[in-house]
PDB file of N, CA and C in Angstrom:
ATOM      1  N   MET A   1     -40.866  -6.758 -23.892  1.00  0.00           N
ATOM      2  CA  MET A   1     -39.649  -6.177 -24.417  1.00  0.00           C
ATOM      3  C   MET A   1     -40.011  -4.906 -25.172  1.00  0.00           C
ATOM      4  N   GLU A   2     -39.201  -3.878 -24.955  1.00  0.00           N
ATOM      5  CA  GLU A   2     -39.448  -2.580 -25.568  1.00  0.00           C
ATOM      6  C   GLU A   2     -38.198  -2.146 -26.326  1.00  0.00           C
ATOM      7  N   ILE A   3     -38.377  -1.741 -27.590  1.00  0.00           N
ATOM      8  CA  ILE A   3     -37.261  -1.264 -28.387  1.00  0.00           C
ATOM      9  C   ILE A   3     -37.384   0.257 -28.487  1.00  0.00           C
ATOM     10  N   ASN A   4     -36.254   0.944 -28.247  1.00  0.00           N
ATOM     11  CA  ASN A   4     -36.299   2.395 -28.151  1.00  0.00           C
ATOM     12  C   ASN A   4     -35.111   3.006 -28.884  1.00  0.00           C
ATOM     13  N   ASN A   5     -35.377   4.036 -29.683  1.00  0.00           N
ATOM     14  CA  ASN A   5     -34.322   4.810 -30.316  1.00  0.00           C
ATOM     15  C   ASN A   5     -34.699   6.286 -30.272  1.00  0.00           C
ATOM     16  N   THR A   6     -34.978   6.792 -29.082  1.00  0.00           N
ATOM     17  CA  THR A   6     -35.408   8.182 -28.941  1.00  0.00           C
ATOM     18  C   THR A   6     -34.240   9.155 -28.871  1.00  0.00           C
ATOM     19  N   PHE A   7     -33.024   8.654 -28.833  1.00  0.00           N
ATOM     20  CA  PHE A   7     -31.864   9.528 -28.709  1.00  0.00           C
ATOM     21  C   PHE A   7     -31.360  10.032 -30.054  1.00  0.00           C
ATOM     22  N   GLY A   8     -31.796   9.422 -31.159  1.00  0.00           N
ATOM     23  CA  GLY A   8     -31.422   9.881 -32.484  1.00  0.00           C
ATOM     24  C   GLY A   8     -29.968   9.630 -32.846  1.00  0.00           C
ATOM     25  N   ASP A   9     -29.322   8.695 -32.173  1.00  0.00           N
ATOM     26  CA  ASP A   9     -27.909   8.436 -32.445  1.00  0.00           C
ATOM     27  C   ASP A   9     -27.695   7.175 -33.271  1.00  0.00           C
ATOM     28  N   GLY A  10     -28.768   6.553 -33.712  1.00  0.00           N
ATOM     29  CA  GLY A  10     -28.648   5.369 -34.543  1.00  0.00           C
ATOM     30  C   GLY A  10     -28.527   4.073 -33.758  1.00  0.00           C
ATOM     31  N   LEU A  11     -28.374   4.156 -32.445  1.00  0.00           N
ATOM     32  CA  LEU A  11     -28.267   2.959 -31.623  1.00  0.00           C
ATOM     33  C   LEU A  11     -29.656   2.477 -31.231  1.00  0.00           C
ATOM     34  N   VAL A  12     -29.848   1.179 -31.228  1.00  0.00           N
ATOM     35  CA  VAL A  12     -31.114   0.601 -30.803  1.00  0.00           C
ATOM     36  C   VAL A  12     -30.947   0.111 -29.375  1.00  0.00           C
ATOM     37  N   ARG A  13     -31.829   0.585 -28.504  1.00  0.00           N
ATOM     38  CA  ARG A  13     -31.785   0.187 -27.098  1.00  0.00           C
ATOM     39  C   ARG A  13     -32.963  -0.728 -26.814  1.00  0.00           C
ATOM     40  N   ILE A  14     -32.692  -1.838 -26.186  1.00  0.00           N
ATOM     41  CA  ILE A  14     -33.737  -2.795 -25.869  1.00  0.00           C
ATOM     42  C   ILE A  14     -33.870  -2.861 -24.354  1.00  0.00           C
ATOM     43  N   ASN A  15     -35.054  -2.588 -23.848  1.00  0.00           N
ATOM     44  CA  ASN A  15     -35.324  -2.699 -22.423  1.00  0.00           C
ATOM     45  C   ASN A  15     -36.097  -3.992 -22.220  1.00  0.00           C
ATOM     46  N   LEU A  16     -35.439  -4.978 -21.636  1.00  0.00           N
ATOM     47  CA  LEU A  16     -36.062  -6.278 -21.448  1.00  0.00           C
ATOM     48  C   LEU A  16     -37.076  -6.287 -20.319  1.00  0.00           C
ATOM     49  N   TYR A  17     -36.969  -5.329 -19.401  1.00  0.00           N
ATOM     50  CA  TYR A  17     -37.846  -5.290 -18.239  1.00  0.00           C
ATOM     51  C   TYR A  17     -38.426  -3.889 -18.056  1.00  0.00           C
ATOM     52  N   PRO A  18     -39.304  -3.437 -18.957  1.00  0.00           N
ATOM     53  CA  PRO A  18     -39.811  -2.066 -18.869  1.00  0.00           C
ATOM     54  C   PRO A  18     -40.623  -1.809 -17.601  1.00  0.00           C
ATOM     55  N   GLN A  19     -41.211  -2.852 -17.018  1.00  0.00           N
ATOM     56  CA  GLN A  19     -42.010  -2.659 -15.819  1.00  0.00           C
ATOM     57  C   GLN A  19     -41.162  -2.181 -14.638  1.00  0.00           C
ATOM     58  N   PHE A  20     -39.871  -2.432 -14.667  1.00  0.00           N
ATOM     59  CA  PHE A  20     -38.998  -1.984 -13.592  1.00  0.00           C
ATOM     60  C   PHE A  20     -38.477  -0.573 -13.810  1.00  0.00           C
ATOM     61  N   MET A  21     -38.679  -0.027 -14.979  1.00  0.00           N
ATOM     62  CA  MET A  21     -38.132   1.279 -15.315  1.00  0.00           C
ATOM     63  C   MET A  21     -39.170   2.395 -15.258  1.00  0.00           C
ATOM     64  N   GLU A  22     -40.448   2.065 -15.072  1.00  0.00           N
ATOM     65  CA  GLU A  22     -41.507   3.063 -15.159  1.00  0.00           C
ATOM     66  C   GLU A  22     -41.350   4.185 -14.145  1.00  0.00           C
ATOM     67  N   ASP A  23     -41.071   3.869 -12.893  1.00  0.00           N
ATOM     68  CA  ASP A  23     -41.011   4.879 -11.846  1.00  0.00           C
ATOM     69  C   ASP A  23     -39.589   5.316 -11.515  1.00  0.00           C
ATOM     70  N   THR A  24     -38.643   4.896 -12.306  1.00  0.00           N
ATOM     71  CA  THR A  24     -37.255   5.206 -12.012  1.00  0.00           C
ATOM     72  C   THR A  24     -36.915   6.595 -12.528  1.00  0.00           C
ATOM     73  N   LYS A  25     -36.391   7.423 -11.638  1.00  0.00           N
ATOM     74  CA  LYS A  25     -35.964   8.757 -12.035  1.00  0.00           C
ATOM     75  C   LYS A  25     -34.533   8.653 -12.551  1.00  0.00           C
ATOM     76  N   THR A  26     -34.285   9.123 -13.764  1.00  0.00           N
ATOM     77  CA  THR A  26     -32.959   9.001 -14.347  1.00  0.00           C
ATOM     78  C   THR A  26     -32.156  10.282 -14.269  1.00  0.00           C
ATOM     79  N   ASP A  27     -32.799  11.410 -13.991  1.00  0.00           N
ATOM     80  CA  ASP A  27     -32.081  12.678 -13.893  1.00  0.00           C
ATOM     81  C   ASP A  27     -31.567  12.858 -12.472  1.00  0.00           C
ATOM     82  N   ILE A  28     -30.275  12.834 -12.308  1.00  0.00           N
ATOM     83  CA  ILE A  28     -29.661  13.029 -11.000  1.00  0.00           C
ATOM     84  C   ILE A  28     -29.065  14.419 -10.984  1.00  0.00           C
ATOM     85  N   GLN A  29     -29.495  15.226 -10.052  1.00  0.00           N
ATOM     86  CA  GLN A  29     -29.009  16.594  -9.932  1.00  0.00           C
ATOM     87  C   GLN A  29     -27.845  16.628  -8.961  1.00  0.00           C
ATOM     88  N   CYS A  30     -26.729  17.202  -9.377  1.00  0.00           N
ATOM     89  CA  CYS A  30     -25.560  17.354  -8.521  1.00  0.00           C
ATOM     90  C   CYS A  30     -25.152  18.816  -8.532  1.00  0.00           C
ATOM     91  N   ASP A  31     -24.919  19.343  -7.361  1.00  0.00           N
ATOM     92  CA  ASP A  31     -24.439  20.705  -7.245  1.00  0.00           C
ATOM     93  C   ASP A  31     -22.923  20.674  -7.348  1.00  0.00           C
ATOM     94  N   PRO A  32     -22.325  21.269  -8.395  1.00  0.00           N
ATOM     95  CA  PRO A  32     -20.870  21.205  -8.543  1.00  0.00           C
ATOM     96  C   PRO A  32     -20.129  21.907  -7.412  1.00  0.00           C
ATOM     97  N   GLN A  33     -20.791  22.792  -6.690  1.00  0.00           N
ATOM     98  CA  GLN A  33     -20.154  23.491  -5.581  1.00  0.00           C
ATOM     99  C   GLN A  33     -20.259  22.715  -4.274  1.00  0.00           C
ATOM    100  N   GLU A  34     -21.050  21.645  -4.272  1.00  0.00           N
ATOM    101  CA  GLU A  34     -21.244  20.867  -3.055  1.00  0.00           C
ATOM    102  C   GLU A  34     -19.971  20.104  -2.709  1.00  0.00           C
ATOM    103  N   GLU A  35     -19.559  20.230  -1.474  1.00  0.00           N
ATOM    104  CA  GLU A  35     -18.377  19.509  -1.018  1.00  0.00           C
ATOM    105  C   GLU A  35     -18.796  18.126  -0.558  1.00  0.00           C
ATOM    106  N   ILE A  36     -18.144  17.112  -1.083  1.00  0.00           N
ATOM    107  CA  ILE A  36     -18.502  15.752  -0.730  1.00  0.00           C
ATOM    108  C   ILE A  36     -17.747  15.305   0.515  1.00  0.00           C
ATOM    109  N   ALA A  37     -16.488  15.634   0.604  1.00  0.00           N
ATOM    110  CA  ALA A  37     -15.666  15.196   1.734  1.00  0.00           C
ATOM    111  C   ALA A  37     -15.151  16.412   2.500  1.00  0.00           C
ATOM    112  N   HIS A  38     -14.897  16.206   3.757  1.00  0.00           N
ATOM    113  CA  HIS A  38     -14.326  17.254   4.589  1.00  0.00           C
ATOM    114  C   HIS A  38     -12.810  17.137   4.553  1.00  0.00           C
ATOM    115  N   ASP A  39     -12.126  18.269   4.586  1.00  0.00           N
ATOM    116  CA  ASP A  39     -10.677  18.274   4.495  1.00  0.00           C
ATOM    117  C   ASP A  39      -9.977  18.002   5.823  1.00  0.00           C
ATOM    118  N   ASP A  40     -10.730  17.777   6.882  1.00  0.00           N
ATOM    119  CA  ASP A  40     -10.083  17.610   8.178  1.00  0.00           C
ATOM    120  C   ASP A  40      -9.661  16.172   8.463  1.00  0.00           C
ATOM    121  N   GLY A  41      -9.762  15.289   7.493  1.00  0.00           N
ATOM    122  CA  GLY A  41      -9.171  13.957   7.550  1.00  0.00           C
ATOM    123  C   GLY A  41      -9.839  13.014   8.511  1.00  0.00           C
ATOM    124  N   PRO A  42      -9.258  11.914   8.843  1.00  0.00           N
ATOM    125  CA  PRO A  42      -7.931  11.459   8.437  1.00  0.00           C
ATOM    126  C   PRO A  42      -7.906  10.968   6.989  1.00  0.00           C
ATOM    127  N   TRP A  43      -6.725  11.049   6.407  1.00  0.00           N
ATOM    128  CA  TRP A  43      -6.504  10.612   5.046  1.00  0.00           C
ATOM    129  C   TRP A  43      -5.802   9.260   5.070  1.00  0.00           C
ATOM    130  N   VAL A  44      -5.972   8.503   3.996  1.00  0.00           N
ATOM    131  CA  VAL A  44      -5.282   7.213   3.871  1.00  0.00           C
ATOM    132  C   VAL A  44      -4.615   7.128   2.505  1.00  0.00           C
ATOM    133  N   VAL A  45      -3.508   6.406   2.477  1.00  0.00           N
ATOM    134  CA  VAL A  45      -2.842   6.066   1.220  1.00  0.00           C
ATOM    135  C   VAL A  45      -3.051   4.568   1.036  1.00  0.00           C
ATOM    136  N   ILE A  46      -3.655   4.202  -0.079  1.00  0.00           N
ATOM    137  CA  ILE A  46      -3.971   2.809  -0.362  1.00  0.00           C
ATOM    138  C   ILE A  46      -2.983   2.291  -1.395  1.00  0.00           C
ATOM    139  N   LEU A  47      -2.335   1.204  -1.062  1.00  0.00           N
ATOM    140  CA  LEU A  47      -1.382   0.549  -1.955  1.00  0.00           C
ATOM    141  C   LEU A  47      -2.076  -0.632  -2.621  1.00  0.00           C
ATOM    142  N   TYR A  48      -1.977  -0.701  -3.952  1.00  0.00           N
ATOM    143  CA  TYR A  48      -2.581  -1.806  -4.703  1.00  0.00           C
ATOM    144  C   TYR A  48      -1.515  -2.818  -5.106  1.00  0.00           C
ATOM    145  N   ASN A  49      -1.932  -4.048  -5.215  1.00  0.00           N
ATOM    146  CA  ASN A  49      -1.021  -5.114  -5.609  1.00  0.00           C
ATOM    147  C   ASN A  49      -0.601  -4.942  -7.067  1.00  0.00           C
ATOM    148  N   CYS A  50       0.655  -5.217  -7.320  1.00  0.00           N
ATOM    149  CA  CYS A  50       1.129  -5.308  -8.704  1.00  0.00           C
ATOM    150  C   CYS A  50       2.222  -6.369  -8.737  1.00  0.00           C
ATOM    151  N   ASP A  51       2.340  -7.016  -9.866  1.00  0.00           N
ATOM    152  CA  ASP A  51       3.325  -8.085 -10.009  1.00  0.00           C
ATOM    153  C   ASP A  51       4.626  -7.594 -10.629  1.00  0.00           C
ATOM    154  N   CYS A  52       4.768  -6.288 -10.795  1.00  0.00           N
ATOM    155  CA  CYS A  52       5.955  -5.754 -11.454  1.00  0.00           C
ATOM    156  C   CYS A  52       7.059  -5.350 -10.476  1.00  0.00           C
ATOM    157  N   HIS A  53       6.823  -5.466  -9.179  1.00  0.00           N
ATOM    158  CA  HIS A  53       7.828  -5.145  -8.169  1.00  0.00           C
ATOM    159  C   HIS A  53       8.017  -6.343  -7.239  1.00  0.00           C
ATOM    160  N   SER A  54       9.236  -6.518  -6.781  1.00  0.00           N
ATOM    161  CA  SER A  54       9.498  -7.591  -5.813  1.00  0.00           C
ATOM    162  C   SER A  54       9.043  -7.145  -4.429  1.00  0.00           C
ATOM    163  N   PHE A  55       8.889  -8.118  -3.532  1.00  0.00           N
ATOM    164  CA  PHE A  55       8.525  -7.789  -2.154  1.00  0.00           C
ATOM    165  C   PHE A  55       9.581  -6.892  -1.531  1.00  0.00           C
ATOM    166  N   GLU A  56      10.832  -7.141  -1.857  1.00  0.00           N
ATOM    167  CA  GLU A  56      11.922  -6.346  -1.297  1.00  0.00           C
ATOM    168  C   GLU A  56      11.822  -4.890  -1.728  1.00  0.00           C
ATOM    169  N   GLU A  57      11.514  -4.672  -3.019  1.00  0.00           N
ATOM    170  CA  GLU A  57      11.373  -3.302  -3.524  1.00  0.00           C
ATOM    171  C   GLU A  57      10.222  -2.574  -2.826  1.00  0.00           C
ATOM    172  N   VAL A  58       9.082  -3.253  -2.733  1.00  0.00           N
ATOM    173  CA  VAL A  58       7.899  -2.640  -2.126  1.00  0.00           C
ATOM    174  C   VAL A  58       8.145  -2.376  -0.646  1.00  0.00           C
ATOM    175  N   THR A  59       8.722  -3.351   0.051  1.00  0.00           N
ATOM    176  CA  THR A  59       9.006  -3.199   1.480  1.00  0.00           C
ATOM    177  C   THR A  59       9.952  -2.038   1.727  1.00  0.00           C
ATOM    178  N   GLU A  60      10.999  -1.934   0.949  1.00  0.00           N
ATOM    179  CA  GLU A  60      11.968  -0.852   1.126  1.00  0.00           C
ATOM    180  C   GLU A  60      11.339   0.509   0.841  1.00  0.00           C
ATOM    181  N   GLN A  61      10.528   0.596  -0.212  1.00  0.00           N
ATOM    182  CA  GLN A  61       9.900   1.870  -0.542  1.00  0.00           C
ATOM    183  C   GLN A  61       8.877   2.260   0.526  1.00  0.00           C
ATOM    184  N   LEU A  62       8.135   1.290   1.045  1.00  0.00           N
ATOM    185  CA  LEU A  62       7.206   1.571   2.141  1.00  0.00           C
ATOM    186  C   LEU A  62       7.958   2.075   3.369  1.00  0.00           C
ATOM    187  N   ARG A  63       9.090   1.448   3.664  1.00  0.00           N
ATOM    188  CA  ARG A  63       9.903   1.850   4.812  1.00  0.00           C
ATOM    189  C   ARG A  63      10.386   3.292   4.650  1.00  0.00           C
ATOM    190  N   LEU A  64      10.863   3.618   3.452  1.00  0.00           N
ATOM    191  CA  LEU A  64      11.348   4.971   3.191  1.00  0.00           C
ATOM    192  C   LEU A  64      10.217   6.006   3.219  1.00  0.00           C
ATOM    193  N   ALA A  65       9.073   5.640   2.650  1.00  0.00           N
ATOM    194  CA  ALA A  65       7.967   6.589   2.536  1.00  0.00           C
ATOM    195  C   ALA A  65       7.253   6.836   3.857  1.00  0.00           C
ATOM    196  N   THR A  66       7.097   5.782   4.660  1.00  0.00           N
ATOM    197  CA  THR A  66       6.275   5.903   5.872  1.00  0.00           C
ATOM    198  C   THR A  66       7.088   6.038   7.145  1.00  0.00           C
ATOM    199  N   GLY A  67       8.362   5.660   7.096  1.00  0.00           N
ATOM    200  CA  GLY A  67       9.176   5.690   8.302  1.00  0.00           C
ATOM    201  C   GLY A  67       8.956   4.484   9.203  1.00  0.00           C
ATOM    202  N   ARG A  68       8.212   3.520   8.735  1.00  0.00           N
ATOM    203  CA  ARG A  68       7.974   2.295   9.511  1.00  0.00           C
ATOM    204  C   ARG A  68       9.151   1.350   9.358  1.00  0.00           C
ATOM    205  N   GLY A  69       9.195   0.357  10.228  1.00  0.00           N
ATOM    206  CA  GLY A  69      10.249  -0.639  10.168  1.00  0.00           C
ATOM    207  C   GLY A  69      10.021  -1.642   9.051  1.00  0.00           C
ATOM    208  N   VAL A  70      11.000  -2.480   8.851  1.00  0.00           N
ATOM    209  CA  VAL A  70      10.938  -3.491   7.793  1.00  0.00           C
ATOM    210  C   VAL A  70       9.785  -4.453   8.029  1.00  0.00           C
ATOM    211  N   SER A  71       9.598  -4.878   9.271  1.00  0.00           N
ATOM    212  CA  SER A  71       8.551  -5.846   9.590  1.00  0.00           C
ATOM    213  C   SER A  71       7.158  -5.299   9.261  1.00  0.00           C
ATOM    214  N   GLU A  72       6.867  -4.076   9.689  1.00  0.00           N
ATOM    215  CA  GLU A  72       5.555  -3.479   9.432  1.00  0.00           C
ATOM    216  C   GLU A  72       5.372  -3.215   7.938  1.00  0.00           C
ATOM    217  N   SER A  73       6.407  -2.769   7.270  1.00  0.00           N
ATOM    218  CA  SER A  73       6.337  -2.524   5.822  1.00  0.00           C
ATOM    219  C   SER A  73       6.091  -3.821   5.063  1.00  0.00           C
ATOM    220  N   TRP A  74       6.730  -4.906   5.512  1.00  0.00           N
ATOM    221  CA  TRP A  74       6.534  -6.197   4.874  1.00  0.00           C
ATOM    222  C   TRP A  74       5.088  -6.671   5.049  1.00  0.00           C
ATOM    223  N   LYS A  75       4.500  -6.438   6.223  1.00  0.00           N
ATOM    224  CA  LYS A  75       3.104  -6.836   6.467  1.00  0.00           C
ATOM    225  C   LYS A  75       2.151  -6.088   5.528  1.00  0.00           C
ATOM    226  N   ILE A  76       2.415  -4.802   5.310  1.00  0.00           N
ATOM    227  CA  ILE A  76       1.574  -4.018   4.396  1.00  0.00           C
ATOM    228  C   ILE A  76       1.702  -4.554   2.972  1.00  0.00           C
ATOM    229  N   ALA A  77       2.926  -4.846   2.541  1.00  0.00           N
ATOM    230  CA  ALA A  77       3.155  -5.400   1.199  1.00  0.00           C
ATOM    231  C   ALA A  77       2.463  -6.745   1.043  1.00  0.00           C
ATOM    232  N   LEU A  78       2.530  -7.568   2.083  1.00  0.00           N
ATOM    233  CA  LEU A  78       1.893  -8.887   2.035  1.00  0.00           C
ATOM    234  C   LEU A  78       0.377  -8.764   1.955  1.00  0.00           C
ATOM    235  N   GLN A  79      -0.187  -7.856   2.741  1.00  0.00           N
ATOM    236  CA  GLN A  79      -1.642  -7.661   2.693  1.00  0.00           C
ATOM    237  C   GLN A  79      -2.081  -7.204   1.306  1.00  0.00           C
ATOM    238  N   ALA A  80      -1.350  -6.285   0.706  1.00  0.00           N
ATOM    239  CA  ALA A  80      -1.676  -5.835  -0.654  1.00  0.00           C
ATOM    240  C   ALA A  80      -1.579  -6.993  -1.643  1.00  0.00           C
ATOM    241  N   HIS A  81      -0.577  -7.839  -1.465  1.00  0.00           N
ATOM    242  CA  HIS A  81      -0.396  -8.991  -2.355  1.00  0.00           C
ATOM    243  C   HIS A  81      -1.539  -9.992  -2.217  1.00  0.00           C
ATOM    244  N   LEU A  82      -1.955 -10.254  -0.983  1.00  0.00           N
ATOM    245  CA  LEU A  82      -2.973 -11.283  -0.739  1.00  0.00           C
ATOM    246  C   LEU A  82      -4.394 -10.797  -0.992  1.00  0.00           C
ATOM    247  N   THR A  83      -4.688  -9.544  -0.705  1.00  0.00           N
ATOM    248  CA  THR A  83      -6.062  -9.050  -0.816  1.00  0.00           C
ATOM    249  C   THR A  83      -6.275  -8.086  -1.972  1.00  0.00           C
ATOM    250  N   GLY A  84      -5.195  -7.660  -2.610  1.00  0.00           N
ATOM    251  CA  GLY A  84      -5.323  -6.731  -3.728  1.00  0.00           C
ATOM    252  C   GLY A  84      -5.060  -5.285  -3.352  1.00  0.00           C
ATOM    253  N   ARG A  85      -5.146  -4.985  -2.055  1.00  0.00           N
ATOM    254  CA  ARG A  85      -4.862  -3.617  -1.605  1.00  0.00           C
ATOM    255  C   ARG A  85      -4.644  -3.598  -0.107  1.00  0.00           C
ATOM    256  N   ALA A  86      -3.989  -2.534   0.347  1.00  0.00           N
ATOM    257  CA  ALA A  86      -3.722  -2.372   1.777  1.00  0.00           C
ATOM    258  C   ALA A  86      -3.597  -0.893   2.086  1.00  0.00           C
ATOM    259  N   ILE A  87      -3.988  -0.522   3.277  1.00  0.00           N
ATOM    260  CA  ILE A  87      -3.777   0.849   3.721  1.00  0.00           C
ATOM    261  C   ILE A  87      -2.309   0.960   4.120  1.00  0.00           C
ATOM    262  N   ALA A  88      -1.568   1.752   3.359  1.00  0.00           N
ATOM    263  CA  ALA A  88      -0.135   1.895   3.588  1.00  0.00           C
ATOM    264  C   ALA A  88       0.165   2.955   4.636  1.00  0.00           C
ATOM    265  N   TYR A  89      -0.721   3.953   4.741  1.00  0.00           N
ATOM    266  CA  TYR A  89      -0.445   5.052   5.663  1.00  0.00           C
ATOM    267  C   TYR A  89      -1.748   5.769   5.989  1.00  0.00           C
ATOM    268  N   THR A  90      -1.870   6.240   7.212  1.00  0.00           N
ATOM    269  CA  THR A  90      -3.004   7.044   7.647  1.00  0.00           C
ATOM    270  C   THR A  90      -2.459   8.282   8.331  1.00  0.00           C
ATOM    271  N   GLY A  91      -2.992   9.435   7.996  1.00  0.00           N
ATOM    272  CA  GLY A  91      -2.527  10.667   8.624  1.00  0.00           C
ATOM    273  C   GLY A  91      -3.174  11.880   8.000  1.00  0.00           C
ATOM    274  N   GLY A  92      -2.537  13.010   8.159  1.00  0.00           N
ATOM    275  CA  GLY A  92      -3.028  14.255   7.574  1.00  0.00           C
ATOM    276  C   GLY A  92      -2.804  14.286   6.075  1.00  0.00           C
ATOM    277  N   GLU A  93      -3.443  15.243   5.432  1.00  0.00           N
ATOM    278  CA  GLU A  93      -3.365  15.328   3.973  1.00  0.00           C
ATOM    279  C   GLU A  93      -1.932  15.551   3.486  1.00  0.00           C
ATOM    280  N   THR A  94      -1.191  16.425   4.140  1.00  0.00           N
ATOM    281  CA  THR A  94       0.179  16.727   3.714  1.00  0.00           C
ATOM    282  C   THR A  94       1.083  15.510   3.815  1.00  0.00           C
ATOM    283  N   GLU A  95       0.995  14.797   4.950  1.00  0.00           N
ATOM    284  CA  GLU A  95       1.829  13.605   5.130  1.00  0.00           C
ATOM    285  C   GLU A  95       1.462  12.525   4.116  1.00  0.00           C
ATOM    286  N   CYS A  96       0.165  12.364   3.877  1.00  0.00           N
ATOM    287  CA  CYS A  96      -0.278  11.347   2.913  1.00  0.00           C
ATOM    288  C   CYS A  96       0.171  11.692   1.496  1.00  0.00           C
ATOM    289  N   ARG A  97       0.169  12.966   1.143  1.00  0.00           N
ATOM    290  CA  ARG A  97       0.659  13.360  -0.186  1.00  0.00           C
ATOM    291  C   ARG A  97       2.139  12.999  -0.336  1.00  0.00           C
ATOM    292  N   HIS A  98       2.906  13.208   0.725  1.00  0.00           N
ATOM    293  CA  HIS A  98       4.325  12.859   0.704  1.00  0.00           C
ATOM    294  C   HIS A  98       4.509  11.347   0.508  1.00  0.00           C
ATOM    295  N   VAL A  99       3.781  10.552   1.272  1.00  0.00           N
ATOM    296  CA  VAL A  99       3.870   9.090   1.166  1.00  0.00           C
ATOM    297  C   VAL A  99       3.438   8.645  -0.229  1.00  0.00           C
ATOM    298  N   GLU A 100       2.357   9.213  -0.723  1.00  0.00           N
ATOM    299  CA  GLU A 100       1.859   8.863  -2.056  1.00  0.00           C
ATOM    300  C   GLU A 100       2.920   9.145  -3.127  1.00  0.00           C
ATOM    301  N   ARG A 101       3.557  10.319  -3.057  1.00  0.00           N
ATOM    302  CA  ARG A 101       4.598  10.664  -4.035  1.00  0.00           C
ATOM    303  C   ARG A 101       5.785   9.712  -3.950  1.00  0.00           C
ATOM    304  N   CYS A 102       6.197   9.366  -2.731  1.00  0.00           N
ATOM    305  CA  CYS A 102       7.329   8.446  -2.561  1.00  0.00           C
ATOM    306  C   CYS A 102       7.032   7.075  -3.156  1.00  0.00           C
ATOM    307  N   LEU A 103       5.823   6.581  -2.926  1.00  0.00           N
ATOM    308  CA  LEU A 103       5.464   5.262  -3.443  1.00  0.00           C
ATOM    309  C   LEU A 103       5.315   5.294  -4.970  1.00  0.00           C
ATOM    310  N   ARG A 104       4.775   6.363  -5.486  1.00  0.00           N
ATOM    311  CA  ARG A 104       4.622   6.480  -6.943  1.00  0.00           C
ATOM    312  C   ARG A 104       5.946   6.692  -7.654  1.00  0.00           C
ATOM    313  N   SER A 105       6.956   7.129  -6.928  1.00  0.00           N
ATOM    314  CA  SER A 105       8.242   7.405  -7.566  1.00  0.00           C
ATOM    315  C   SER A 105       8.866   6.148  -8.179  1.00  0.00           C
ATOM    316  N   ILE A 106       8.481   4.975  -7.688  1.00  0.00           N
ATOM    317  CA  ILE A 106       8.946   3.730  -8.325  1.00  0.00           C
ATOM    318  C   ILE A 106       7.790   3.028  -9.043  1.00  0.00           C
ATOM    319  N   ARG A 107       6.751   3.805  -9.346  1.00  0.00           N
ATOM    320  CA  ARG A 107       5.594   3.340 -10.116  1.00  0.00           C
ATOM    321  C   ARG A 107       4.729   2.318  -9.395  1.00  0.00           C
ATOM    322  N   LEU A 108       4.657   2.415  -8.078  1.00  0.00           N
ATOM    323  CA  LEU A 108       3.688   1.603  -7.345  1.00  0.00           C
ATOM    324  C   LEU A 108       2.310   2.209  -7.562  1.00  0.00           C
ATOM    325  N   GLN A 109       1.294   1.357  -7.601  1.00  0.00           N
ATOM    326  CA  GLN A 109      -0.072   1.812  -7.801  1.00  0.00           C
ATOM    327  C   GLN A 109      -0.663   2.199  -6.449  1.00  0.00           C
ATOM    328  N   VAL A 110      -0.924   3.468  -6.253  1.00  0.00           N
ATOM    329  CA  VAL A 110      -1.490   3.956  -4.993  1.00  0.00           C
ATOM    330  C   VAL A 110      -2.564   4.984  -5.276  1.00  0.00           C
ATOM    331  N   GLU A 111      -3.398   5.200  -4.279  1.00  0.00           N
ATOM    332  CA  GLU A 111      -4.352   6.292  -4.330  1.00  0.00           C
ATOM    333  C   GLU A 111      -4.513   6.844  -2.932  1.00  0.00           C
ATOM    334  N   MET A 112      -4.920   8.083  -2.869  1.00  0.00           N
ATOM    335  CA  MET A 112      -5.130   8.743  -1.598  1.00  0.00           C
ATOM    336  C   MET A 112      -6.594   9.090  -1.469  1.00  0.00           C
ATOM    337  N   ASP A 113      -7.153   8.888  -0.281  1.00  0.00           N
ATOM    338  CA  ASP A 113      -8.573   9.155  -0.085  1.00  0.00           C
ATOM    339  C   ASP A 113      -8.791   9.603   1.350  1.00  0.00           C
ATOM    340  N   ILE A 114      -9.921  10.230   1.564  1.00  0.00           N
ATOM    341  CA  ILE A 114     -10.263  10.638   2.919  1.00  0.00           C
ATOM    342  C   ILE A 114     -11.032   9.506   3.570  1.00  0.00           C
ATOM    343  N   PHE A 115     -10.736   9.237   4.791  1.00  0.00           N
ATOM    344  CA  PHE A 115     -11.305   8.092   5.511  1.00  0.00           C
ATOM    345  C   PHE A 115     -12.591   8.471   6.170  1.00  0.00           C
TER     346      PHE A 115
END
């Protein structure tokens, strides 16, 4: 066991396994100009489960936002309910932004990401 306070902040850090830390590089260099994702898509809108909306509310908002039918919208809502999240929409960035805004308009928890 190794006790370390080399940071000068008053906190005591205890490394229980110093033998595993000897060769570990802790400085990670990131280029802020480096692009991580490409903008050519496809993009996805991910819907997260929440208990503050009824299935009917979520299904209707999905139908309005994505243009899908009630049955397909209900399946997406059910998947989000059972697994914690579901892909609500896949498409270009502009279309996904529209779907994301529509779903957030009733405070549904969503995020948009590149696939």
